[in-house]
Amino acid sequence: ADIEAARRALEAAGAREHALDVAAELTVRARERIAALPLDETVRAEFADACHAVLTRRS
């Protein structure tokens, strides 16, 4: 019950939206940095897929 109360309080305070904004910013930065590395396009695509998975996770 305490965990659910804490979750509701965080959601009411806008924590989810803030967390999504932070995740988006961090994945953009990571993709920019990875773009500067000499990597195969397959590796870049896998990294892009991982970033997408982070941003679309629903839990």
PDB file of N, CA and C in Angstrom:
ATOM      1  N   ALA A   1       0.826  -1.197   0.000  1.00  0.00           N
ATOM      2  CA  ALA A   1       0.000   0.000   0.000  1.00  0.00           C
ATOM      3  C   ALA A   1       0.867   1.256   0.000  1.00  0.00           C
ATOM      4  N   ASP A   2       1.963   1.241   0.754  1.00  0.00           N
ATOM      5  CA  ASP A   2       2.840   2.412   0.790  1.00  0.00           C
ATOM      6  C   ASP A   2       3.473   2.683  -0.573  1.00  0.00           C
ATOM      7  N   ILE A   3       3.821   1.626  -1.281  1.00  0.00           N
ATOM      8  CA  ILE A   3       4.417   1.785  -2.606  1.00  0.00           C
ATOM      9  C   ILE A   3       3.405   2.399  -3.564  1.00  0.00           C
ATOM     10  N   GLU A   4       2.173   1.933  -3.505  1.00  0.00           N
ATOM     11  CA  GLU A   4       1.132   2.491  -4.379  1.00  0.00           C
ATOM     12  C   GLU A   4       0.866   3.954  -4.047  1.00  0.00           C
ATOM     13  N   ALA A   5       0.879   4.301  -2.779  1.00  0.00           N
ATOM     14  CA  ALA A   5       0.676   5.699  -2.387  1.00  0.00           C
ATOM     15  C   ALA A   5       1.820   6.566  -2.905  1.00  0.00           C
ATOM     16  N   ALA A   6       3.031   6.056  -2.808  1.00  0.00           N
ATOM     17  CA  ALA A   6       4.188   6.796  -3.315  1.00  0.00           C
ATOM     18  C   ALA A   6       4.098   6.945  -4.831  1.00  0.00           C
ATOM     19  N   ARG A   7       3.684   5.880  -5.516  1.00  0.00           N
ATOM     20  CA  ARG A   7       3.538   5.938  -6.971  1.00  0.00           C
ATOM     21  C   ARG A   7       2.504   6.986  -7.365  1.00  0.00           C
ATOM     22  N   ARG A   8       1.359   6.998  -6.669  1.00  0.00           N
ATOM     23  CA  ARG A   8       0.318   7.982  -6.980  1.00  0.00           C
ATOM     24  C   ARG A   8       0.814   9.406  -6.735  1.00  0.00           C
ATOM     25  N   ALA A   9       1.555   9.596  -5.654  1.00  0.00           N
ATOM     26  CA  ALA A   9       2.081  10.927  -5.346  1.00  0.00           C
ATOM     27  C   ALA A   9       3.079  11.388  -6.411  1.00  0.00           C
ATOM     28  N   LEU A  10       3.939  10.483  -6.845  1.00  0.00           N
ATOM     29  CA  LEU A  10       4.904  10.828  -7.892  1.00  0.00           C
ATOM     30  C   LEU A  10       4.208  11.140  -9.208  1.00  0.00           C
ATOM     31  N   GLU A  11       3.212  10.345  -9.555  1.00  0.00           N
ATOM     32  CA  GLU A  11       2.460  10.596 -10.786  1.00  0.00           C
ATOM     33  C   GLU A  11       1.740  11.934 -10.717  1.00  0.00           C
ATOM     34  N   ALA A  12       1.154  12.244  -9.566  1.00  0.00           N
ATOM     35  CA  ALA A  12       0.444  13.512  -9.399  1.00  0.00           C
ATOM     36  C   ALA A  12       1.398  14.703  -9.508  1.00  0.00           C
ATOM     37  N   ALA A  13       2.645  14.492  -9.117  1.00  0.00           N
ATOM     38  CA  ALA A  13       3.639  15.564  -9.170  1.00  0.00           C
ATOM     39  C   ALA A  13       4.281  15.711 -10.549  1.00  0.00           C
ATOM     40  N   GLY A  14       3.895  14.845 -11.496  1.00  0.00           N
ATOM     41  CA  GLY A  14       4.434  14.942 -12.850  1.00  0.00           C
ATOM     42  C   GLY A  14       5.753  14.224 -13.056  1.00  0.00           C
ATOM     43  N   ALA A  15       6.074  13.298 -12.171  1.00  0.00           N
ATOM     44  CA  ALA A  15       7.356  12.596 -12.264  1.00  0.00           C
ATOM     45  C   ALA A  15       7.482  11.786 -13.549  1.00  0.00           C
ATOM     46  N   ARG A  16       6.397  11.200 -14.003  1.00  0.00           N
ATOM     47  CA  ARG A  16       6.468  10.376 -15.218  1.00  0.00           C
ATOM     48  C   ARG A  16       6.879  11.219 -16.420  1.00  0.00           C
ATOM     49  N   GLU A  17       6.260  12.363 -16.583  1.00  0.00           N
ATOM     50  CA  GLU A  17       6.586  13.230 -17.708  1.00  0.00           C
ATOM     51  C   GLU A  17       8.031  13.702 -17.632  1.00  0.00           C
ATOM     52  N   HIS A  18       8.470  14.037 -16.425  1.00  0.00           N
ATOM     53  CA  HIS A  18       9.857  14.472 -16.245  1.00  0.00           C
ATOM     54  C   HIS A  18      10.812  13.331 -16.593  1.00  0.00           C
ATOM     55  N   ALA A  19      10.499  12.126 -16.149  1.00  0.00           N
ATOM     56  CA  ALA A  19      11.351  10.973 -16.448  1.00  0.00           C
ATOM     57  C   ALA A  19      11.416  10.716 -17.946  1.00  0.00           C
ATOM     58  N   LEU A  20      10.290  10.861 -18.639  1.00  0.00           N
ATOM     59  CA  LEU A  20      10.283  10.672 -20.092  1.00  0.00           C
ATOM     60  C   LEU A  20      11.122  11.737 -20.791  1.00  0.00           C
ATOM     61  N   ASP A  21      11.052  12.971 -20.316  1.00  0.00           N
ATOM     62  CA  ASP A  21      11.872  14.041 -20.888  1.00  0.00           C
ATOM     63  C   ASP A  21      13.361  13.753 -20.695  1.00  0.00           C
ATOM     64  N   VAL A  22      13.721  13.304 -19.495  1.00  0.00           N
ATOM     65  CA  VAL A  22      15.120  12.977 -19.212  1.00  0.00           C
ATOM     66  C   VAL A  22      15.584  11.822 -20.094  1.00  0.00           C
ATOM     67  N   ALA A  23      14.765  10.784 -20.215  1.00  0.00           N
ATOM     68  CA  ALA A  23      15.124   9.636 -21.057  1.00  0.00           C
ATOM     69  C   ALA A  23      15.319  10.066 -22.505  1.00  0.00           C
ATOM     70  N   ALA A  24      14.439  10.910 -23.002  1.00  0.00           N
ATOM     71  CA  ALA A  24      14.560  11.386 -24.383  1.00  0.00           C
ATOM     72  C   ALA A  24      15.852  12.175 -24.573  1.00  0.00           C
ATOM     73  N   GLU A  25      16.152  13.049 -23.640  1.00  0.00           N
ATOM     74  CA  GLU A  25      17.374  13.852 -23.740  1.00  0.00           C
ATOM     75  C   GLU A  25      18.619  12.972 -23.697  1.00  0.00           C
ATOM     76  N   LEU A  26      18.627  12.005 -22.798  1.00  0.00           N
ATOM     77  CA  LEU A  26      19.794  11.133 -22.678  1.00  0.00           C
ATOM     78  C   LEU A  26      19.986  10.251 -23.903  1.00  0.00           C
ATOM     79  N   THR A  27      18.898   9.766 -24.477  1.00  0.00           N
ATOM     80  CA  THR A  27      19.053   8.932 -25.672  1.00  0.00           C
ATOM     81  C   THR A  27      19.503   9.763 -26.872  1.00  0.00           C
ATOM     82  N   VAL A  28      19.050  11.008 -26.963  1.00  0.00           N
ATOM     83  CA  VAL A  28      19.526  11.883 -28.043  1.00  0.00           C
ATOM     84  C   VAL A  28      21.024  12.113 -27.893  1.00  0.00           C
ATOM     85  N   ARG A  29      21.460  12.407 -26.692  1.00  0.00           N
ATOM     86  CA  ARG A  29      22.896  12.614 -26.453  1.00  0.00           C
ATOM     87  C   ARG A  29      23.696  11.359 -26.788  1.00  0.00           C
ATOM     88  N   ALA A  30      23.188  10.222 -26.360  1.00  0.00           N
ATOM     89  CA  ALA A  30      23.892   8.964 -26.631  1.00  0.00           C
ATOM     90  C   ALA A  30      23.989   8.707 -28.130  1.00  0.00           C
ATOM     91  N   ARG A  31      22.907   8.955 -28.849  1.00  0.00           N
ATOM     92  CA  ARG A  31      22.931   8.736 -30.303  1.00  0.00           C
ATOM     93  C   ARG A  31      23.900   9.696 -30.988  1.00  0.00           C
ATOM     94  N   GLU A  32      23.984  10.920 -30.499  1.00  0.00           N
ATOM     95  CA  GLU A  32      24.934  11.876 -31.071  1.00  0.00           C
ATOM     96  C   GLU A  32      26.367  11.411 -30.847  1.00  0.00           C
ATOM     97  N   ARG A  33      26.636  10.903 -29.658  1.00  0.00           N
ATOM     98  CA  ARG A  33      27.991  10.432 -29.354  1.00  0.00           C
ATOM     99  C   ARG A  33      28.336   9.174 -30.137  1.00  0.00           C
ATOM    100  N   ILE A  34      27.377   8.274 -30.259  1.00  0.00           N
ATOM    101  CA  ILE A  34      27.639   7.038 -31.001  1.00  0.00           C
ATOM    102  C   ILE A  34      27.856   7.341 -32.481  1.00  0.00           C
ATOM    103  N   ALA A  35      27.224   8.390 -32.986  1.00  0.00           N
ATOM    104  CA  ALA A  35      27.383   8.764 -34.394  1.00  0.00           C
ATOM    105  C   ALA A  35      28.821   9.160 -34.708  1.00  0.00           C
ATOM    106  N   ALA A  36      29.547   9.636 -33.706  1.00  0.00           N
ATOM    107  CA  ALA A  36      30.928  10.063 -33.906  1.00  0.00           C
ATOM    108  C   ALA A  36      31.910   8.890 -33.912  1.00  0.00           C
ATOM    109  N   LEU A  37      31.447   7.711 -33.553  1.00  0.00           N
ATOM    110  CA  LEU A  37      32.329   6.543 -33.499  1.00  0.00           C
ATOM    111  C   LEU A  37      32.338   5.797 -34.832  1.00  0.00           C
ATOM    112  N   PRO A  38      33.460   5.176 -35.152  1.00  0.00           N
ATOM    113  CA  PRO A  38      33.552   4.419 -36.407  1.00  0.00           C
ATOM    114  C   PRO A  38      32.903   3.041 -36.273  1.00  0.00           C
ATOM    115  N   LEU A  39      31.583   3.007 -36.338  1.00  0.00           N
ATOM    116  CA  LEU A  39      30.850   1.755 -36.165  1.00  0.00           C
ATOM    117  C   LEU A  39      30.143   1.357 -37.452  1.00  0.00           C
ATOM    118  N   ASP A  40      29.920   0.082 -37.579  1.00  0.00           N
ATOM    119  CA  ASP A  40      29.161  -0.470 -38.696  1.00  0.00           C
ATOM    120  C   ASP A  40      27.713   0.017 -38.616  1.00  0.00           C
ATOM    121  N   GLU A  41      27.080   0.184 -39.756  1.00  0.00           N
ATOM    122  CA  GLU A  41      25.685   0.647 -39.785  1.00  0.00           C
ATOM    123  C   GLU A  41      24.747  -0.313 -39.052  1.00  0.00           C
ATOM    124  N   THR A  42      25.063  -1.593 -39.062  1.00  0.00           N
ATOM    125  CA  THR A  42      24.240  -2.568 -38.340  1.00  0.00           C
ATOM    126  C   THR A  42      24.259  -2.277 -36.846  1.00  0.00           C
ATOM    127  N   VAL A  43      25.428  -1.961 -36.331  1.00  0.00           N
ATOM    128  CA  VAL A  43      25.560  -1.629 -34.907  1.00  0.00           C
ATOM    129  C   VAL A  43      24.802  -0.345 -34.605  1.00  0.00           C
ATOM    130  N   ARG A  44      24.919   0.636 -35.467  1.00  0.00           N
ATOM    131  CA  ARG A  44      24.183   1.895 -35.272  1.00  0.00           C
ATOM    132  C   ARG A  44      22.671   1.649 -35.253  1.00  0.00           C
ATOM    133  N   ALA A  45      22.206   0.794 -36.144  1.00  0.00           N
ATOM    134  CA  ALA A  45      20.772   0.480 -36.201  1.00  0.00           C
ATOM    135  C   ALA A  45      20.319  -0.229 -34.931  1.00  0.00           C
ATOM    136  N   GLU A  46      21.138  -1.140 -34.424  1.00  0.00           N
ATOM    137  CA  GLU A  46      20.792  -1.827 -33.177  1.00  0.00           C
ATOM    138  C   GLU A  46      20.724  -0.839 -32.023  1.00  0.00           C
ATOM    139  N   PHE A  47      21.646   0.098 -32.000  1.00  0.00           N
ATOM    140  CA  PHE A  47      21.638   1.113 -30.953  1.00  0.00           C
ATOM    141  C   PHE A  47      20.390   1.980 -31.061  1.00  0.00           C
ATOM    142  N   ALA A  48      20.023   2.365 -32.276  1.00  0.00           N
ATOM    143  CA  ALA A  48      18.810   3.162 -32.483  1.00  0.00           C
ATOM    144  C   ALA A  48      17.582   2.395 -32.010  1.00  0.00           C
ATOM    145  N   ASP A  49      17.544   1.095 -32.279  1.00  0.00           N
ATOM    146  CA  ASP A  49      16.434   0.265 -31.806  1.00  0.00           C
ATOM    147  C   ASP A  49      16.378   0.234 -30.284  1.00  0.00           C
ATOM    148  N   ALA A  50      17.547   0.153 -29.644  1.00  0.00           N
ATOM    149  CA  ALA A  50      17.593   0.143 -28.179  1.00  0.00           C
ATOM    150  C   ALA A  50      17.087   1.471 -27.620  1.00  0.00           C
ATOM    151  N   CYS A  51      17.471   2.573 -28.242  1.00  0.00           N
ATOM    152  CA  CYS A  51      16.987   3.892 -27.805  1.00  0.00           C
ATOM    153  C   CYS A  51      15.473   3.966 -27.936  1.00  0.00           C
ATOM    154  N   HIS A  52      14.960   3.474 -29.042  1.00  0.00           N
ATOM    155  CA  HIS A  52      13.512   3.474 -29.249  1.00  0.00           C
ATOM    156  C   HIS A  52      12.821   2.641 -28.168  1.00  0.00           C
ATOM    157  N   ALA A  53      13.394   1.507 -27.833  1.00  0.00           N
ATOM    158  CA  ALA A  53      12.810   0.644 -26.801  1.00  0.00           C
ATOM    159  C   ALA A  53      12.778   1.355 -25.448  1.00  0.00           C
ATOM    160  N   VAL A  54      13.830   2.090 -25.137  1.00  0.00           N
ATOM    161  CA  VAL A  54      13.871   2.840 -23.873  1.00  0.00           C
ATOM    162  C   VAL A  54      12.748   3.867 -23.837  1.00  0.00           C
ATOM    163  N   LEU A  55      12.562   4.567 -24.939  1.00  0.00           N
ATOM    164  CA  LEU A  55      11.581   5.651 -24.966  1.00  0.00           C
ATOM    165  C   LEU A  55      10.138   5.174 -25.063  1.00  0.00           C
ATOM    166  N   THR A  56       9.920   3.946 -25.477  1.00  0.00           N
ATOM    167  CA  THR A  56       8.548   3.456 -25.628  1.00  0.00           C
ATOM    168  C   THR A  56       8.174   2.417 -24.584  1.00  0.00           C
ATOM    169  N   ARG A  57       9.016   2.205 -23.596  1.00  0.00           N
ATOM    170  CA  ARG A  57       8.722   1.254 -22.521  1.00  0.00           C
ATOM    171  C   ARG A  57       7.504   1.741 -21.747  1.00  0.00           C
ATOM    172  N   ARG A  58       6.635   0.848 -21.412  1.00  0.00           N
ATOM    173  CA  ARG A  58       5.369   1.235 -20.777  1.00  0.00           C
ATOM    174  C   ARG A  58       5.234   0.765 -19.333  1.00  0.00           C
ATOM    175  N   SER A  59       6.289   0.892 -18.538  1.00  0.00           N
ATOM    176  CA  SER A  59       6.144   0.507 -17.129  1.00  0.00           C
ATOM    177  C   SER A  59       6.757   1.536 -16.227  1.00  0.00           C
TER     178      SER A  59
END
